[in-house]
Amino acid sequence: MLSTKRLAISKLTVRRNRWFERLMAIIALVNLCLVFFDLGYVPWRDFYFQQVPSLIQIYDPIKGIEPHRETQNYLNKVEQLEKLVLQTGVEPPQGEELLAELRRLSNQMIEDNPFALANKSGTLEKIKN
């Protein structure tokens, strides 16, 4: 009878150990996947930007990636112009001022090439064309 209890306790211990080992293996696998994701984040960032933009908003600050001031300013001006065109059209003087500002910013962006820092000069060439 004593050996049956020991055998039952031994089986229970082995079963607990198996579940613990499985849990540790799952945790290790998840950690390995996170490491691979982190290592490949920067090279695959353009893909994530097109396919999963919310991921970019969440993970860029974690990696310390910040938008470039010039390009962010340019995008803000484009957004302002789009809103103005939807509301009133381009006719008012505000629209003309925004268009002139965008022309100036476009020329400045072409001269300064802020994409060179990220080895994305091809993106600037696409914009030029």
C-alpha atoms as a PDB file:
ATOM      1  CA  MET A   1       0.000   0.000   0.000  1.00  0.00           C
ATOM      2  CA  LEU A   2       2.848   2.348   0.841  1.00  0.00           C
ATOM      3  CA  SER A   3       4.513   1.659  -2.475  1.00  0.00           C
ATOM      4  CA  THR A   4       1.218   2.393  -4.310  1.00  0.00           C
ATOM      5  CA  LYS A   5       1.077   5.829  -2.640  1.00  0.00           C
ATOM      6  CA  ARG A   6       4.682   6.471  -3.561  1.00  0.00           C
ATOM      7  CA  LEU A   7       3.987   5.418  -7.122  1.00  0.00           C
ATOM      8  CA  ALA A   8       0.948   7.729  -7.304  1.00  0.00           C
ATOM      9  CA  ILE A   9       2.935  10.623  -5.859  1.00  0.00           C
ATOM     10  CA  SER A  10       5.781   9.871  -8.253  1.00  0.00           C
ATOM     11  CA  LYS A  11       3.393   9.910 -11.250  1.00  0.00           C
ATOM     12  CA  LEU A  12       1.874  13.185 -10.053  1.00  0.00           C
ATOM     13  CA  THR A  13       5.333  14.720  -9.703  1.00  0.00           C
ATOM     14  CA  VAL A  14       6.317  13.529 -13.183  1.00  0.00           C
ATOM     15  CA  ARG A  15       3.067  14.945 -14.611  1.00  0.00           C
ATOM     16  CA  ARG A  16       3.682  18.312 -12.915  1.00  0.00           C
ATOM     17  CA  ASN A  17       7.240  18.331 -14.224  1.00  0.00           C
ATOM     18  CA  ARG A  18       6.026  17.665 -17.773  1.00  0.00           C
ATOM     19  CA  TRP A  19       3.594  20.588 -17.619  1.00  0.00           C
ATOM     20  CA  PHE A  20       6.295  22.814 -16.171  1.00  0.00           C
ATOM     21  CA  GLU A  21       8.719  21.733 -18.906  1.00  0.00           C
ATOM     22  CA  ARG A  22       6.109  22.360 -21.599  1.00  0.00           C
ATOM     23  CA  LEU A  23       5.339  25.797 -20.157  1.00  0.00           C
ATOM     24  CA  MET A  24       9.049  26.665 -20.091  1.00  0.00           C
ATOM     25  CA  ALA A  25       9.452  25.457 -23.693  1.00  0.00           C
ATOM     26  CA  ILE A  26       6.509  27.633 -24.816  1.00  0.00           C
ATOM     27  CA  ILE A  27       7.939  30.657 -22.984  1.00  0.00           C
ATOM     28  CA  ALA A  28      11.358  30.037 -24.570  1.00  0.00           C
ATOM     29  CA  LEU A  29       9.787  29.753 -28.026  1.00  0.00           C
ATOM     30  CA  VAL A  30       7.823  32.986 -27.587  1.00  0.00           C
ATOM     31  CA  ASN A  31      11.006  34.716 -26.386  1.00  0.00           C
ATOM     32  CA  LEU A  32      12.939  33.428 -29.410  1.00  0.00           C
ATOM     33  CA  CYS A  33      10.213  34.710 -31.744  1.00  0.00           C
ATOM     34  CA  LEU A  34      10.366  38.133 -30.056  1.00  0.00           C
ATOM     35  CA  VAL A  35      14.148  38.217 -30.450  1.00  0.00           C
ATOM     36  CA  PHE A  36      13.880  37.407 -34.171  1.00  0.00           C
ATOM     37  CA  PHE A  37      11.156  40.029 -34.602  1.00  0.00           C
ATOM     38  CA  ASP A  38      13.306  42.625 -32.840  1.00  0.00           C
ATOM     39  CA  LEU A  39      16.362  41.788 -34.942  1.00  0.00           C
ATOM     40  CA  GLY A  40      14.400  42.007 -38.185  1.00  0.00           C
ATOM     41  CA  TYR A  41      12.276  45.017 -37.292  1.00  0.00           C
ATOM     42  CA  VAL A  42      14.404  47.724 -38.895  1.00  0.00           C
ATOM     43  CA  PRO A  43      15.045  45.880 -42.198  1.00  0.00           C
ATOM     44  CA  TRP A  44      11.354  44.924 -42.459  1.00  0.00           C
ATOM     45  CA  ARG A  45      10.009  48.264 -41.206  1.00  0.00           C
ATOM     46  CA  ASP A  46       8.860  49.399 -44.679  1.00  0.00           C
ATOM     47  CA  PHE A  47       6.813  46.200 -45.023  1.00  0.00           C
ATOM     48  CA  TYR A  48       5.281  46.683 -41.568  1.00  0.00           C
ATOM     49  CA  PHE A  49       4.602  50.334 -42.427  1.00  0.00           C
ATOM     50  CA  GLN A  50       2.505  49.320 -45.432  1.00  0.00           C
ATOM     51  CA  GLN A  51       0.831  46.235 -43.985  1.00  0.00           C
ATOM     52  CA  VAL A  52       0.467  46.946 -40.241  1.00  0.00           C
ATOM     53  CA  PRO A  53       0.740  50.719 -39.598  1.00  0.00           C
ATOM     54  CA  SER A  54      -0.497  50.388 -36.018  1.00  0.00           C
ATOM     55  CA  LEU A  55       2.530  48.208 -35.246  1.00  0.00           C
ATOM     56  CA  ILE A  56       4.810  51.024 -36.400  1.00  0.00           C
ATOM     57  CA  GLN A  57       3.114  53.486 -34.047  1.00  0.00           C
ATOM     58  CA  ILE A  58       3.571  51.111 -31.126  1.00  0.00           C
ATOM     59  CA  TYR A  59       7.059  49.722 -31.780  1.00  0.00           C
ATOM     60  CA  ASP A  60       8.911  52.744 -33.215  1.00  0.00           C
ATOM     61  CA  PRO A  61       9.114  54.507 -29.824  1.00  0.00           C
ATOM     62  CA  ILE A  62      10.369  51.270 -28.247  1.00  0.00           C
ATOM     63  CA  LYS A  63      13.191  51.100 -30.800  1.00  0.00           C
ATOM     64  CA  GLY A  64      13.799  54.859 -30.498  1.00  0.00           C
ATOM     65  CA  ILE A  65      12.808  55.605 -34.087  1.00  0.00           C
ATOM     66  CA  GLU A  66      11.531  59.153 -34.493  1.00  0.00           C
ATOM     67  CA  PRO A  67      10.140  60.805 -37.614  1.00  0.00           C
ATOM     68  CA  HIS A  68      12.418  63.291 -39.355  1.00  0.00           C
ATOM     69  CA  ARG A  69      11.437  66.917 -38.673  1.00  0.00           C
ATOM     70  CA  GLU A  70      11.447  67.993 -42.327  1.00  0.00           C
ATOM     71  CA  THR A  71       9.392  65.111 -43.633  1.00  0.00           C
ATOM     72  CA  GLN A  72       6.964  65.318 -40.722  1.00  0.00           C
ATOM     73  CA  ASN A  73       6.524  69.057 -41.325  1.00  0.00           C
ATOM     74  CA  TYR A  74       5.936  68.370 -45.023  1.00  0.00           C
ATOM     75  CA  LEU A  75       3.316  65.714 -44.271  1.00  0.00           C
ATOM     76  CA  ASN A  76       1.573  68.059 -41.837  1.00  0.00           C
ATOM     77  CA  LYS A  77       1.373  70.761 -44.541  1.00  0.00           C
ATOM     78  CA  VAL A  78      -0.034  68.252 -47.025  1.00  0.00           C
ATOM     79  CA  GLU A  79      -2.658  67.231 -44.478  1.00  0.00           C
ATOM     80  CA  GLN A  80      -3.587  70.896 -43.887  1.00  0.00           C
ATOM     81  CA  LEU A  81      -3.938  71.443 -47.626  1.00  0.00           C
ATOM     82  CA  GLU A  82      -6.110  68.344 -48.033  1.00  0.00           C
ATOM     83  CA  LYS A  83      -8.437  69.536 -45.271  1.00  0.00           C
ATOM     84  CA  LEU A  84      -8.615  73.020 -46.794  1.00  0.00           C
ATOM     85  CA  VAL A  85      -9.377  71.662 -50.265  1.00  0.00           C
ATOM     86  CA  LEU A  86     -12.149  69.475 -48.873  1.00  0.00           C
ATOM     87  CA  GLN A  87     -13.667  72.413 -47.018  1.00  0.00           C
ATOM     88  CA  THR A  88     -13.299  75.362 -49.350  1.00  0.00           C
ATOM     89  CA  GLY A  89     -11.255  74.439 -52.413  1.00  0.00           C
ATOM     90  CA  VAL A  90      -7.906  75.930 -53.405  1.00  0.00           C
ATOM     91  CA  GLU A  91      -9.267  79.334 -54.379  1.00  0.00           C
ATOM     92  CA  PRO A  92      -8.868  81.215 -51.072  1.00  0.00           C
ATOM     93  CA  PRO A  93      -5.529  82.890 -50.356  1.00  0.00           C
ATOM     94  CA  GLN A  94      -4.878  80.313 -47.625  1.00  0.00           C
ATOM     95  CA  GLY A  95      -4.801  77.561 -50.255  1.00  0.00           C
ATOM     96  CA  GLU A  96      -2.392  79.498 -52.419  1.00  0.00           C
ATOM     97  CA  GLU A  97      -0.159  80.137 -49.411  1.00  0.00           C
ATOM     98  CA  LEU A  98      -0.143  76.433 -48.501  1.00  0.00           C
ATOM     99  CA  LEU A  99       0.655  75.457 -52.099  1.00  0.00           C
ATOM    100  CA  ALA A 100       3.545  77.929 -52.180  1.00  0.00           C
ATOM    101  CA  GLU A 101       4.793  76.581 -48.841  1.00  0.00           C
ATOM    102  CA  LEU A 102       4.601  73.002 -50.156  1.00  0.00           C
ATOM    103  CA  ARG A 103       6.564  73.970 -53.261  1.00  0.00           C
ATOM    104  CA  ARG A 104       9.247  75.524 -51.073  1.00  0.00           C
ATOM    105  CA  LEU A 105       9.343  72.503 -48.755  1.00  0.00           C
ATOM    106  CA  SER A 106       9.504  70.135 -51.741  1.00  0.00           C
ATOM    107  CA  ASN A 107      12.505  71.963 -53.169  1.00  0.00           C
ATOM    108  CA  GLN A 108      14.167  72.026 -49.762  1.00  0.00           C
ATOM    109  CA  MET A 109      13.537  68.301 -49.319  1.00  0.00           C
ATOM    110  CA  ILE A 110      15.070  67.545 -52.706  1.00  0.00           C
ATOM    111  CA  GLU A 111      18.153  69.599 -51.849  1.00  0.00           C
ATOM    112  CA  ASP A 112      18.631  68.290 -48.302  1.00  0.00           C
ATOM    113  CA  ASN A 113      17.649  64.651 -49.001  1.00  0.00           C
ATOM    114  CA  PRO A 114      16.622  63.645 -45.466  1.00  0.00           C
ATOM    115  CA  PHE A 115      16.149  60.083 -46.750  1.00  0.00           C
ATOM    116  CA  ALA A 116      19.903  59.592 -47.107  1.00  0.00           C
ATOM    117  CA  LEU A 117      20.312  59.136 -43.350  1.00  0.00           C
ATOM    118  CA  ALA A 118      18.122  56.027 -43.471  1.00  0.00           C
ATOM    119  CA  ASN A 119      19.558  54.749 -46.782  1.00  0.00           C
ATOM    120  CA  LYS A 120      16.190  55.445 -48.428  1.00  0.00           C
ATOM    121  CA  SER A 121      17.332  57.737 -51.244  1.00  0.00           C
ATOM    122  CA  GLY A 122      15.285  55.592 -53.619  1.00  0.00           C
ATOM    123  CA  THR A 123      12.175  56.901 -51.886  1.00  0.00           C
ATOM    124  CA  LEU A 124      13.222  60.466 -52.706  1.00  0.00           C
ATOM    125  CA  GLU A 125      13.740  59.497 -56.342  1.00  0.00           C
ATOM    126  CA  LYS A 126      10.208  58.096 -56.441  1.00  0.00           C
ATOM    127  CA  ILE A 127       8.897  61.363 -54.986  1.00  0.00           C
ATOM    128  CA  LYS A 128      10.853  63.370 -57.567  1.00  0.00           C
ATOM    129  CA  ASN A 129       9.391  61.364 -60.431  1.00  0.00           C
END
